[in-house]
Amino acid sequence: MGAFGEGIAAASACLDPVLPDSFAILSDDQLVGAAQAVEELSRKVEALQLAVAREFDHRTDETLGEDSLARRLGARKAWGALETVTRTCAKDARERVLESRRLAKLPVIETAVHEGVLGRAQAVAIIGPLIPAADGKDPQLVEAACTNLIELSKTLPATAVVEAAEAWKLVLDPEAPNRWRKPPSRSGSSASDTLETAS
């Protein structure tokens, strides 16, 4: 397993004594707190999964030939090797690798994921609309969009963040089809208000 793997396993083992035998015994407040704590832990685990997938991808570069990690594990692609090692399904392994590639195109979002601020669902909700719209656009405007969406993700569910990301897509690329004209924010300010604040 190695020292790093043993460290992760030890951290997981520390959770066992504090987990309740049944969530049914918790009060409402305790259950809400448990849900939030579990989600925070999940975000950190997902960040590690994506970081591992990204490194598998790097080590499976076609230029490596027989030194490719995937080939050494009897696979052709990074997700095939990841599937073999983790025993996850092929679809999930492929999504992890592809999501890690897409996150690299928006460093602000990638950092938020790696720091456990955003989970995979939240990140996918943001990068889906933003990546095609951000290509070749003003980096400061793209960063403002990413920063605003990260802040929204701290208080809103992923489905609501999708709407905000779609609206920012229109700000970045006015010719893109979109149902929303202004990106929503927690204060209810318009896109121009958000950008003025960011600048």
N, C-alpha and C. Protein backbone atom coordinates (compact mmCIF):
# COMPACT_ATOMS: atom_id res chain seq x y z
N MET A 1 0.82 -1.21 0.00
CA MET A 1 0.00 0.00 0.00
C MET A 1 0.86 1.26 0.00
N GLY A 2 1.98 1.25 0.71
CA GLY A 2 2.84 2.41 0.76
C GLY A 2 2.47 3.35 1.89
N ALA A 3 3.41 4.26 2.23
CA ALA A 3 3.20 5.16 3.36
C ALA A 3 1.99 6.06 3.16
N PHE A 4 1.83 6.60 1.92
CA PHE A 4 0.70 7.50 1.67
C PHE A 4 -0.62 6.76 1.83
N GLY A 5 -0.71 5.56 1.23
CA GLY A 5 -1.92 4.76 1.34
C GLY A 5 -2.23 4.39 2.77
N GLU A 6 -1.19 4.07 3.53
CA GLU A 6 -1.38 3.72 4.93
C GLU A 6 -1.89 4.93 5.72
N GLY A 7 -1.41 6.13 5.35
CA GLY A 7 -1.86 7.34 6.02
C GLY A 7 -3.34 7.59 5.78
N ILE A 8 -3.79 7.39 4.54
CA ILE A 8 -5.21 7.55 4.21
C ILE A 8 -6.05 6.53 4.96
N ALA A 9 -5.56 5.28 5.00
CA ALA A 9 -6.29 4.21 5.70
C ALA A 9 -6.40 4.52 7.20
N ALA A 10 -5.33 5.07 7.76
CA ALA A 10 -5.34 5.41 9.19
C ALA A 10 -6.33 6.53 9.48
N ALA A 11 -6.37 7.51 8.56
CA ALA A 11 -7.32 8.62 8.73
C ALA A 11 -8.75 8.10 8.67
N SER A 12 -9.00 7.15 7.78
CA SER A 12 -10.33 6.57 7.67
C SER A 12 -10.69 5.79 8.93
N ALA A 13 -9.72 5.09 9.48
CA ALA A 13 -9.97 4.29 10.67
C ALA A 13 -10.32 5.16 11.86
N CYS A 14 -9.82 6.40 11.87
CA CYS A 14 -10.11 7.31 12.97
C CYS A 14 -11.58 7.72 13.01
N LEU A 15 -12.25 7.56 11.87
CA LEU A 15 -13.66 7.94 11.81
C LEU A 15 -14.56 6.92 12.51
N ASP A 16 -14.13 5.67 12.49
CA ASP A 16 -14.98 4.60 13.01
C ASP A 16 -15.51 4.84 14.42
N PRO A 17 -14.67 5.27 15.37
CA PRO A 17 -15.19 5.45 16.74
C PRO A 17 -16.22 6.56 16.87
N VAL A 18 -16.22 7.55 15.95
CA VAL A 18 -17.13 8.68 16.09
C VAL A 18 -18.40 8.52 15.26
N LEU A 19 -18.46 7.50 14.43
CA LEU A 19 -19.66 7.28 13.64
C LEU A 19 -20.73 6.61 14.49
N PRO A 20 -21.96 7.06 14.40
CA PRO A 20 -23.03 6.44 15.20
C PRO A 20 -23.39 5.07 14.65
N ASP A 21 -23.88 4.20 15.53
CA ASP A 21 -24.32 2.88 15.08
C ASP A 21 -25.51 3.01 14.14
N SER A 22 -26.31 4.04 14.37
CA SER A 22 -27.47 4.30 13.52
C SER A 22 -27.74 5.80 13.49
N PHE A 23 -27.94 6.34 12.31
CA PHE A 23 -28.26 7.76 12.20
C PHE A 23 -29.65 8.06 12.76
N ALA A 24 -30.44 7.00 12.95
CA ALA A 24 -31.79 7.19 13.49
C ALA A 24 -31.78 7.71 14.92
N ILE A 25 -30.67 7.51 15.64
CA ILE A 25 -30.62 7.94 17.03
C ILE A 25 -30.24 9.42 17.16
N LEU A 26 -29.86 10.06 16.07
CA LEU A 26 -29.43 11.45 16.12
C LEU A 26 -30.63 12.40 16.18
N SER A 27 -30.42 13.53 16.83
CA SER A 27 -31.43 14.58 16.80
C SER A 27 -31.41 15.24 15.42
N ASP A 28 -32.39 16.09 15.13
CA ASP A 28 -32.42 16.76 13.84
C ASP A 28 -31.15 17.58 13.61
N ASP A 29 -30.75 18.34 14.63
CA ASP A 29 -29.55 19.17 14.51
C ASP A 29 -28.31 18.31 14.29
N GLN A 30 -28.24 17.20 15.01
CA GLN A 30 -27.10 16.30 14.85
C GLN A 30 -27.07 15.68 13.45
N LEU A 31 -28.23 15.33 12.93
CA LEU A 31 -28.31 14.74 11.61
C LEU A 31 -27.88 15.73 10.54
N VAL A 32 -28.32 16.99 10.69
CA VAL A 32 -27.90 18.04 9.75
C VAL A 32 -26.38 18.22 9.80
N GLY A 33 -25.84 18.25 11.01
CA GLY A 33 -24.39 18.38 11.16
C GLY A 33 -23.65 17.20 10.56
N ALA A 34 -24.21 16.00 10.74
CA ALA A 34 -23.59 14.80 10.18
C ALA A 34 -23.58 14.84 8.66
N ALA A 35 -24.70 15.28 8.08
CA ALA A 35 -24.79 15.38 6.63
C ALA A 35 -23.74 16.34 6.08
N GLN A 36 -23.56 17.46 6.75
CA GLN A 36 -22.58 18.45 6.31
C GLN A 36 -21.16 17.93 6.47
N ALA A 37 -20.90 17.23 7.58
CA ALA A 37 -19.56 16.70 7.82
C ALA A 37 -19.21 15.61 6.82
N VAL A 38 -20.18 14.74 6.53
CA VAL A 38 -19.95 13.67 5.57
C VAL A 38 -19.68 14.25 4.18
N GLU A 39 -20.42 15.30 3.83
CA GLU A 39 -20.24 15.92 2.52
C GLU A 39 -18.86 16.58 2.41
N GLU A 40 -18.42 17.19 3.50
CA GLU A 40 -17.09 17.81 3.50
C GLU A 40 -16.01 16.75 3.30
N LEU A 41 -16.17 15.63 3.99
CA LEU A 41 -15.23 14.53 3.82
C LEU A 41 -15.27 13.99 2.40
N SER A 42 -16.48 13.89 1.85
CA SER A 42 -16.64 13.38 0.48
C SER A 42 -15.92 14.27 -0.53
N ARG A 43 -16.00 15.58 -0.34
CA ARG A 43 -15.31 16.51 -1.25
C ARG A 43 -13.81 16.29 -1.23
N LYS A 44 -13.28 16.02 -0.05
CA LYS A 44 -11.84 15.80 0.06
C LYS A 44 -11.44 14.49 -0.62
N VAL A 45 -12.27 13.46 -0.45
CA VAL A 45 -12.00 12.18 -1.10
C VAL A 45 -12.08 12.32 -2.62
N GLU A 46 -13.09 13.05 -3.10
CA GLU A 46 -13.23 13.26 -4.54
C GLU A 46 -12.05 14.04 -5.10
N ALA A 47 -11.53 15.00 -4.33
CA ALA A 47 -10.36 15.75 -4.77
C ALA A 47 -9.17 14.81 -4.94
N LEU A 48 -9.01 13.89 -4.00
CA LEU A 48 -7.92 12.92 -4.09
C LEU A 48 -8.12 11.99 -5.29
N GLN A 49 -9.37 11.57 -5.53
CA GLN A 49 -9.65 10.69 -6.67
C GLN A 49 -9.29 11.37 -7.98
N LEU A 50 -9.63 12.65 -8.12
CA LEU A 50 -9.34 13.38 -9.35
C LEU A 50 -7.84 13.62 -9.50
N ALA A 51 -7.17 13.90 -8.38
CA ALA A 51 -5.72 14.11 -8.43
C ALA A 51 -5.01 12.82 -8.86
N VAL A 52 -5.47 11.70 -8.33
CA VAL A 52 -4.90 10.40 -8.72
C VAL A 52 -5.16 10.13 -10.20
N ALA A 53 -6.38 10.41 -10.64
CA ALA A 53 -6.73 10.19 -12.05
C ALA A 53 -5.86 11.04 -12.96
N ARG A 54 -5.61 12.28 -12.55
CA ARG A 54 -4.77 13.18 -13.35
C ARG A 54 -3.36 12.64 -13.47
N GLU A 55 -2.83 12.11 -12.37
CA GLU A 55 -1.48 11.57 -12.39
C GLU A 55 -1.40 10.28 -13.21
N PHE A 56 -2.44 9.45 -13.13
CA PHE A 56 -2.50 8.26 -13.99
C PHE A 56 -2.45 8.69 -15.46
N ASP A 57 -3.18 9.76 -15.76
CA ASP A 57 -3.22 10.27 -17.13
C ASP A 57 -1.83 10.74 -17.58
N HIS A 58 -1.14 11.47 -16.71
CA HIS A 58 0.21 11.95 -17.03
C HIS A 58 1.15 10.78 -17.31
N ARG A 59 1.02 9.74 -16.52
CA ARG A 59 1.95 8.61 -16.62
C ARG A 59 1.54 7.61 -17.69
N THR A 60 0.48 7.94 -18.41
CA THR A 60 0.03 7.07 -19.50
C THR A 60 0.18 7.79 -20.84
N ASP A 61 0.96 8.85 -20.86
CA ASP A 61 1.21 9.57 -22.11
C ASP A 61 1.74 8.62 -23.17
N GLU A 62 1.21 8.73 -24.38
CA GLU A 62 1.60 7.82 -25.47
C GLU A 62 3.09 7.87 -25.79
N THR A 63 3.72 9.02 -25.51
CA THR A 63 5.15 9.15 -25.81
C THR A 63 6.01 8.29 -24.89
N LEU A 64 5.42 7.78 -23.81
CA LEU A 64 6.19 6.95 -22.88
C LEU A 64 6.40 5.53 -23.38
N GLY A 65 5.62 5.14 -24.37
CA GLY A 65 5.77 3.80 -24.93
C GLY A 65 5.55 2.71 -23.90
N GLU A 66 6.49 1.78 -23.80
CA GLU A 66 6.35 0.66 -22.87
C GLU A 66 6.46 1.09 -21.42
N ASP A 67 6.95 2.31 -21.18
CA ASP A 67 7.05 2.81 -19.82
C ASP A 67 5.73 3.39 -19.31
N SER A 68 4.73 3.40 -20.18
CA SER A 68 3.41 3.91 -19.80
C SER A 68 2.85 3.09 -18.64
N LEU A 69 2.32 3.79 -17.66
CA LEU A 69 1.74 3.10 -16.50
C LEU A 69 0.60 2.19 -16.92
N ALA A 70 -0.22 2.66 -17.84
CA ALA A 70 -1.36 1.84 -18.29
C ALA A 70 -0.87 0.53 -18.90
N ARG A 71 0.14 0.61 -19.74
CA ARG A 71 0.66 -0.62 -20.37
C ARG A 71 1.23 -1.57 -19.33
N ARG A 72 1.90 -1.02 -18.36
CA ARG A 72 2.47 -1.87 -17.31
C ARG A 72 1.37 -2.57 -16.52
N LEU A 73 0.17 -1.97 -16.51
CA LEU A 73 -0.96 -2.57 -15.80
C LEU A 73 -1.88 -3.35 -16.73
N GLY A 74 -1.44 -3.52 -17.97
CA GLY A 74 -2.21 -4.31 -18.93
C GLY A 74 -3.38 -3.58 -19.56
N ALA A 75 -3.32 -2.25 -19.57
CA ALA A 75 -4.40 -1.46 -20.16
C ALA A 75 -3.84 -0.56 -21.26
N ARG A 76 -4.74 0.00 -22.09
CA ARG A 76 -4.32 0.89 -23.16
C ARG A 76 -4.46 2.35 -22.76
N LYS A 77 -5.48 2.66 -21.98
CA LYS A 77 -5.77 4.03 -21.60
C LYS A 77 -5.64 4.22 -20.08
N ALA A 78 -5.53 5.49 -19.69
CA ALA A 78 -5.39 5.79 -18.26
C ALA A 78 -6.59 5.30 -17.47
N TRP A 79 -7.80 5.46 -18.05
CA TRP A 79 -8.99 5.03 -17.30
C TRP A 79 -9.08 3.52 -17.19
N GLY A 80 -8.51 2.81 -18.16
CA GLY A 80 -8.48 1.35 -18.06
C GLY A 80 -7.60 0.90 -16.90
N ALA A 81 -6.45 1.58 -16.76
CA ALA A 81 -5.56 1.26 -15.65
C ALA A 81 -6.20 1.63 -14.32
N LEU A 82 -6.87 2.77 -14.29
CA LEU A 82 -7.52 3.22 -13.07
C LEU A 82 -8.64 2.26 -12.66
N GLU A 83 -9.38 1.79 -13.64
CA GLU A 83 -10.44 0.81 -13.37
C GLU A 83 -9.87 -0.46 -12.76
N THR A 84 -8.75 -0.91 -13.29
CA THR A 84 -8.12 -2.13 -12.81
C THR A 84 -7.66 -1.98 -11.36
N VAL A 85 -7.04 -0.85 -11.07
CA VAL A 85 -6.46 -0.64 -9.74
C VAL A 85 -7.51 -0.34 -8.67
N THR A 86 -8.51 0.47 -9.01
CA THR A 86 -9.49 0.90 -8.02
C THR A 86 -10.72 0.01 -7.92
N ARG A 87 -10.96 -0.79 -8.97
CA ARG A 87 -12.12 -1.68 -9.07
C ARG A 87 -13.43 -0.90 -9.20
N THR A 88 -13.33 0.38 -9.60
CA THR A 88 -14.53 1.14 -9.92
C THR A 88 -15.01 0.72 -11.30
N CYS A 89 -16.17 1.20 -11.71
CA CYS A 89 -16.68 0.83 -13.03
C CYS A 89 -15.95 1.62 -14.11
N ALA A 90 -15.98 1.11 -15.34
CA ALA A 90 -15.28 1.74 -16.45
C ALA A 90 -15.76 3.17 -16.69
N LYS A 91 -17.07 3.38 -16.56
CA LYS A 91 -17.65 4.71 -16.78
C LYS A 91 -17.09 5.72 -15.79
N ASP A 92 -17.05 5.35 -14.51
CA ASP A 92 -16.56 6.27 -13.49
C ASP A 92 -15.07 6.54 -13.67
N ALA A 93 -14.30 5.52 -13.98
CA ALA A 93 -12.86 5.70 -14.18
C ALA A 93 -12.60 6.67 -15.33
N ARG A 94 -13.35 6.51 -16.42
CA ARG A 94 -13.18 7.39 -17.58
C ARG A 94 -13.58 8.82 -17.23
N GLU A 95 -14.67 8.97 -16.49
CA GLU A 95 -15.13 10.31 -16.10
C GLU A 95 -14.12 11.01 -15.20
N ARG A 96 -13.50 10.26 -14.30
CA ARG A 96 -12.50 10.87 -13.42
C ARG A 96 -11.35 11.45 -14.24
N VAL A 97 -10.87 10.68 -15.20
CA VAL A 97 -9.74 11.14 -16.02
C VAL A 97 -10.13 12.34 -16.86
N LEU A 98 -11.28 12.26 -17.52
CA LEU A 98 -11.72 13.36 -18.39
C LEU A 98 -12.03 14.62 -17.57
N GLU A 99 -12.63 14.46 -16.40
CA GLU A 99 -12.91 15.62 -15.55
C GLU A 99 -11.62 16.27 -15.08
N SER A 100 -10.62 15.46 -14.76
CA SER A 100 -9.34 16.02 -14.31
C SER A 100 -8.68 16.82 -15.44
N ARG A 101 -8.85 16.36 -16.67
CA ARG A 101 -8.31 17.11 -17.82
C ARG A 101 -9.03 18.44 -17.98
N ARG A 102 -10.33 18.41 -17.85
CA ARG A 102 -11.12 19.63 -18.05
C ARG A 102 -10.87 20.63 -16.92
N LEU A 103 -10.71 20.14 -15.71
CA LEU A 103 -10.44 21.03 -14.59
C LEU A 103 -9.13 21.80 -14.79
N ALA A 104 -8.17 21.16 -15.43
CA ALA A 104 -6.88 21.80 -15.67
C ALA A 104 -7.01 23.04 -16.56
N LYS A 105 -8.12 23.14 -17.29
CA LYS A 105 -8.34 24.29 -18.17
C LYS A 105 -8.85 25.51 -17.40
N LEU A 106 -9.33 25.29 -16.19
CA LEU A 106 -9.81 26.38 -15.34
C LEU A 106 -9.12 26.26 -13.98
N PRO A 107 -7.90 26.77 -13.87
CA PRO A 107 -7.09 26.58 -12.65
C PRO A 107 -7.78 27.02 -11.36
N VAL A 108 -8.59 28.07 -11.42
CA VAL A 108 -9.26 28.55 -10.21
C VAL A 108 -10.23 27.48 -9.69
N ILE A 109 -10.96 26.87 -10.61
CA ILE A 109 -11.88 25.80 -10.22
C ILE A 109 -11.11 24.56 -9.77
N GLU A 110 -10.04 24.25 -10.47
CA GLU A 110 -9.22 23.09 -10.12
C GLU A 110 -8.68 23.23 -8.70
N THR A 111 -8.20 24.42 -8.35
CA THR A 111 -7.69 24.66 -7.01
C THR A 111 -8.78 24.50 -5.96
N ALA A 112 -9.97 25.01 -6.26
CA ALA A 112 -11.10 24.90 -5.33
C ALA A 112 -11.46 23.43 -5.08
N VAL A 113 -11.37 22.63 -6.12
CA VAL A 113 -11.65 21.20 -5.97
C VAL A 113 -10.57 20.54 -5.11
N HIS A 114 -9.32 20.82 -5.42
CA HIS A 114 -8.22 20.21 -4.69
C HIS A 114 -8.20 20.61 -3.22
N GLU A 115 -8.74 21.80 -2.92
CA GLU A 115 -8.79 22.25 -1.53
C GLU A 115 -10.05 21.77 -0.80
N GLY A 116 -10.90 21.03 -1.51
CA GLY A 116 -12.11 20.51 -0.89
C GLY A 116 -13.24 21.51 -0.78
N VAL A 117 -13.11 22.64 -1.49
CA VAL A 117 -14.17 23.65 -1.47
C VAL A 117 -15.33 23.22 -2.36
N LEU A 118 -15.00 22.62 -3.50
CA LEU A 118 -16.01 22.13 -4.44
C LEU A 118 -15.95 20.62 -4.55
N GLY A 119 -17.11 20.00 -4.66
CA GLY A 119 -17.18 18.57 -4.95
C GLY A 119 -17.24 18.35 -6.45
N ARG A 120 -17.21 17.10 -6.87
CA ARG A 120 -17.24 16.81 -8.31
C ARG A 120 -18.50 17.31 -8.97
N ALA A 121 -19.65 17.10 -8.36
CA ALA A 121 -20.92 17.53 -8.96
C ALA A 121 -20.94 19.03 -9.16
N GLN A 122 -20.45 19.76 -8.16
CA GLN A 122 -20.41 21.22 -8.27
C GLN A 122 -19.45 21.66 -9.37
N ALA A 123 -18.28 21.03 -9.41
CA ALA A 123 -17.28 21.39 -10.41
C ALA A 123 -17.78 21.11 -11.82
N VAL A 124 -18.43 19.97 -12.01
CA VAL A 124 -18.96 19.63 -13.33
C VAL A 124 -20.03 20.64 -13.74
N ALA A 125 -20.85 21.08 -12.78
CA ALA A 125 -21.89 22.06 -13.07
C ALA A 125 -21.30 23.37 -13.57
N ILE A 126 -20.09 23.69 -13.11
CA ILE A 126 -19.44 24.94 -13.49
C ILE A 126 -18.66 24.80 -14.79
N ILE A 127 -17.84 23.76 -14.89
CA ILE A 127 -16.94 23.67 -16.04
C ILE A 127 -17.67 23.32 -17.33
N GLY A 128 -18.82 22.63 -17.22
CA GLY A 128 -19.57 22.28 -18.43
C GLY A 128 -19.88 23.49 -19.29
N PRO A 129 -20.58 24.50 -18.75
CA PRO A 129 -20.89 25.69 -19.53
C PRO A 129 -19.69 26.61 -19.75
N LEU A 130 -18.78 26.68 -18.75
CA LEU A 130 -17.74 27.70 -18.80
C LEU A 130 -16.60 27.41 -19.77
N ILE A 131 -16.17 26.15 -19.85
CA ILE A 131 -14.98 25.85 -20.65
C ILE A 131 -15.12 26.29 -22.11
N PRO A 132 -16.21 25.92 -22.81
CA PRO A 132 -16.30 26.36 -24.21
C PRO A 132 -16.44 27.87 -24.35
N ALA A 133 -17.09 28.51 -23.38
CA ALA A 133 -17.30 29.96 -23.44
C ALA A 133 -16.04 30.73 -23.07
N ALA A 134 -15.18 30.14 -22.25
CA ALA A 134 -13.99 30.84 -21.74
C ALA A 134 -12.82 30.82 -22.71
N ASP A 135 -12.88 29.96 -23.69
CA ASP A 135 -11.76 29.82 -24.62
C ASP A 135 -11.44 31.13 -25.33
N GLY A 136 -10.23 31.64 -25.11
CA GLY A 136 -9.79 32.86 -25.77
C GLY A 136 -10.34 34.14 -25.19
N LYS A 137 -11.06 34.07 -24.09
CA LYS A 137 -11.68 35.25 -23.49
C LYS A 137 -10.73 35.91 -22.48
N ASP A 138 -11.10 37.12 -22.05
CA ASP A 138 -10.32 37.88 -21.09
C ASP A 138 -10.10 37.05 -19.82
N PRO A 139 -8.85 36.74 -19.46
CA PRO A 139 -8.58 35.91 -18.28
C PRO A 139 -9.18 36.47 -16.99
N GLN A 140 -9.20 37.81 -16.86
CA GLN A 140 -9.75 38.41 -15.65
C GLN A 140 -11.26 38.18 -15.56
N LEU A 141 -11.92 38.23 -16.71
CA LEU A 141 -13.36 37.98 -16.73
C LEU A 141 -13.66 36.52 -16.41
N VAL A 142 -12.85 35.63 -16.96
CA VAL A 142 -13.01 34.20 -16.68
C VAL A 142 -12.78 33.92 -15.20
N GLU A 143 -11.76 34.54 -14.64
CA GLU A 143 -11.47 34.35 -13.21
C GLU A 143 -12.60 34.90 -12.35
N ALA A 144 -13.17 36.04 -12.77
CA ALA A 144 -14.30 36.61 -12.02
C ALA A 144 -15.49 35.66 -12.03
N ALA A 145 -15.74 35.05 -13.18
CA ALA A 145 -16.84 34.08 -13.29
C ALA A 145 -16.60 32.89 -12.37
N CYS A 146 -15.38 32.36 -12.42
CA CYS A 146 -15.05 31.20 -11.59
C CYS A 146 -15.18 31.51 -10.11
N THR A 147 -14.66 32.67 -9.71
CA THR A 147 -14.69 33.06 -8.31
C THR A 147 -16.13 33.23 -7.82
N ASN A 148 -16.96 33.87 -8.65
CA ASN A 148 -18.36 34.07 -8.28
C ASN A 148 -19.09 32.74 -8.13
N LEU A 149 -18.83 31.82 -9.05
CA LEU A 149 -19.51 30.52 -9.02
C LEU A 149 -19.04 29.67 -7.83
N ILE A 150 -17.79 29.80 -7.46
CA ILE A 150 -17.29 29.09 -6.28
C ILE A 150 -18.01 29.60 -5.04
N GLU A 151 -18.15 30.92 -4.94
CA GLU A 151 -18.85 31.50 -3.79
C GLU A 151 -20.30 31.03 -3.74
N LEU A 152 -20.97 31.01 -4.89
CA LEU A 152 -22.35 30.54 -4.93
C LEU A 152 -22.45 29.08 -4.50
N SER A 153 -21.44 28.29 -4.87
CA SER A 153 -21.45 26.87 -4.55
C SER A 153 -21.36 26.59 -3.06
N LYS A 154 -20.92 27.58 -2.30
CA LYS A 154 -20.80 27.40 -0.86
C LYS A 154 -22.16 27.44 -0.16
N THR A 155 -23.17 28.00 -0.85
CA THR A 155 -24.48 28.14 -0.22
C THR A 155 -25.62 27.55 -1.04
N LEU A 156 -25.37 27.24 -2.31
CA LEU A 156 -26.43 26.74 -3.18
C LEU A 156 -26.14 25.32 -3.66
N PRO A 157 -27.19 24.54 -3.94
CA PRO A 157 -27.00 23.20 -4.50
C PRO A 157 -26.50 23.28 -5.94
N ALA A 158 -25.95 22.17 -6.42
CA ALA A 158 -25.35 22.14 -7.76
C ALA A 158 -26.33 22.53 -8.85
N THR A 159 -27.62 22.16 -8.70
CA THR A 159 -28.60 22.49 -9.73
C THR A 159 -28.77 24.00 -9.89
N ALA A 160 -28.67 24.74 -8.78
CA ALA A 160 -28.78 26.20 -8.86
C ALA A 160 -27.51 26.80 -9.45
N VAL A 161 -26.37 26.18 -9.16
CA VAL A 161 -25.11 26.67 -9.69
C VAL A 161 -25.06 26.49 -11.21
N VAL A 162 -25.73 25.45 -11.71
CA VAL A 162 -25.80 25.24 -13.16
C VAL A 162 -26.41 26.46 -13.83
N GLU A 163 -27.47 26.99 -13.25
CA GLU A 163 -28.13 28.16 -13.83
C GLU A 163 -27.18 29.36 -13.85
N ALA A 164 -26.45 29.54 -12.75
CA ALA A 164 -25.51 30.65 -12.68
C ALA A 164 -24.38 30.47 -13.70
N ALA A 165 -23.90 29.25 -13.85
CA ALA A 165 -22.83 28.98 -14.81
C ALA A 165 -23.30 29.21 -16.24
N GLU A 166 -24.55 28.82 -16.52
CA GLU A 166 -25.11 29.04 -17.86
C GLU A 166 -25.23 30.55 -18.14
N ALA A 167 -25.57 31.31 -17.12
CA ALA A 167 -25.68 32.76 -17.27
C ALA A 167 -24.31 33.39 -17.49
N TRP A 168 -23.32 32.92 -16.76
CA TRP A 168 -21.96 33.42 -16.97
C TRP A 168 -21.46 33.04 -18.36
N LYS A 169 -21.89 31.91 -18.85
CA LYS A 169 -21.52 31.50 -20.20
C LYS A 169 -21.95 32.56 -21.20
N LEU A 170 -23.13 33.13 -21.00
CA LEU A 170 -23.65 34.16 -21.89
C LEU A 170 -22.85 35.46 -21.77
N VAL A 171 -22.38 35.74 -20.55
CA VAL A 171 -21.55 36.93 -20.35
C VAL A 171 -20.22 36.78 -21.10
N LEU A 172 -19.63 35.59 -21.01
CA LEU A 172 -18.35 35.34 -21.67
C LEU A 172 -18.50 35.22 -23.18
N ASP A 173 -19.60 34.65 -23.61
CA ASP A 173 -19.85 34.45 -25.04
C ASP A 173 -21.29 34.83 -25.34
N PRO A 174 -21.55 36.11 -25.65
CA PRO A 174 -22.92 36.60 -25.85
C PRO A 174 -23.68 35.88 -26.97
N GLU A 175 -22.97 35.23 -27.89
CA GLU A 175 -23.65 34.56 -28.99
C GLU A 175 -24.07 33.14 -28.64
N ALA A 176 -23.65 32.67 -27.48
CA ALA A 176 -24.01 31.31 -27.07
C ALA A 176 -25.48 31.25 -26.67
N PRO A 177 -26.19 30.18 -27.06
CA PRO A 177 -27.60 30.03 -26.65
C PRO A 177 -27.70 29.85 -25.15
N ASN A 178 -28.61 30.57 -24.53
CA ASN A 178 -28.74 30.49 -23.09
C ASN A 178 -30.10 31.02 -22.65
N ARG A 179 -30.67 30.40 -21.61
CA ARG A 179 -31.98 30.83 -21.12
C ARG A 179 -31.88 32.02 -20.18
N TRP A 180 -30.69 32.26 -19.63
CA TRP A 180 -30.55 33.32 -18.64
C TRP A 180 -29.75 34.47 -19.22
N ARG A 181 -30.13 35.66 -18.84
CA ARG A 181 -29.46 36.85 -19.34
C ARG A 181 -28.46 37.44 -18.36
N LYS A 182 -28.65 37.19 -17.06
CA LYS A 182 -27.75 37.73 -16.05
C LYS A 182 -27.40 36.65 -15.05
N PRO A 183 -26.11 36.55 -14.66
CA PRO A 183 -25.73 35.54 -13.67
C PRO A 183 -26.24 35.91 -12.29
N PRO A 184 -27.01 35.01 -11.65
CA PRO A 184 -27.51 35.31 -10.31
C PRO A 184 -26.39 35.29 -9.29
N SER A 185 -26.56 36.01 -8.21
CA SER A 185 -25.60 35.97 -7.12
C SER A 185 -26.37 35.98 -5.82
N ARG A 186 -25.68 35.73 -4.74
CA ARG A 186 -26.36 35.65 -3.44
C ARG A 186 -27.02 36.97 -3.08
N SER A 187 -26.46 38.08 -3.54
CA SER A 187 -27.03 39.37 -3.20
C SER A 187 -28.09 39.81 -4.18
N GLY A 188 -28.28 39.02 -5.26
CA GLY A 188 -29.26 39.37 -6.27
C GLY A 188 -28.74 40.41 -7.24
N SER A 189 -27.43 40.68 -7.22
CA SER A 189 -26.86 41.68 -8.11
C SER A 189 -26.77 41.16 -9.52
N SER A 190 -26.67 42.06 -10.48
CA SER A 190 -26.59 41.69 -11.88
C SER A 190 -25.18 41.29 -12.23
N ALA A 191 -24.99 40.84 -13.49
CA ALA A 191 -23.68 40.45 -13.97
C ALA A 191 -22.72 41.62 -13.91
N SER A 192 -23.20 42.80 -14.34
CA SER A 192 -22.32 43.96 -14.35
C SER A 192 -21.91 44.34 -12.94
N ASP A 193 -22.85 44.22 -11.98
CA ASP A 193 -22.52 44.51 -10.57
C ASP A 193 -21.44 43.56 -10.08
N THR A 194 -21.58 42.28 -10.40
CA THR A 194 -20.62 41.27 -9.97
C THR A 194 -19.25 41.56 -10.54
N LEU A 195 -19.19 41.90 -11.83
CA LEU A 195 -17.92 42.13 -12.49
C LEU A 195 -17.26 43.42 -11.99
N GLU A 196 -18.07 44.44 -11.70
CA GLU A 196 -17.52 45.68 -11.18
C GLU A 196 -16.88 45.43 -9.82
N THR A 197 -17.56 44.60 -9.02
CA THR A 197 -17.01 44.28 -7.70
C THR A 197 -15.71 43.49 -7.84
N ALA A 198 -15.70 42.54 -8.82
CA ALA A 198 -14.52 41.70 -9.01
C ALA A 198 -13.33 42.50 -9.49
N SER A 199 -13.60 43.57 -10.29
CA SER A 199 -12.51 44.37 -10.84
C SER A 199 -12.02 45.42 -9.85
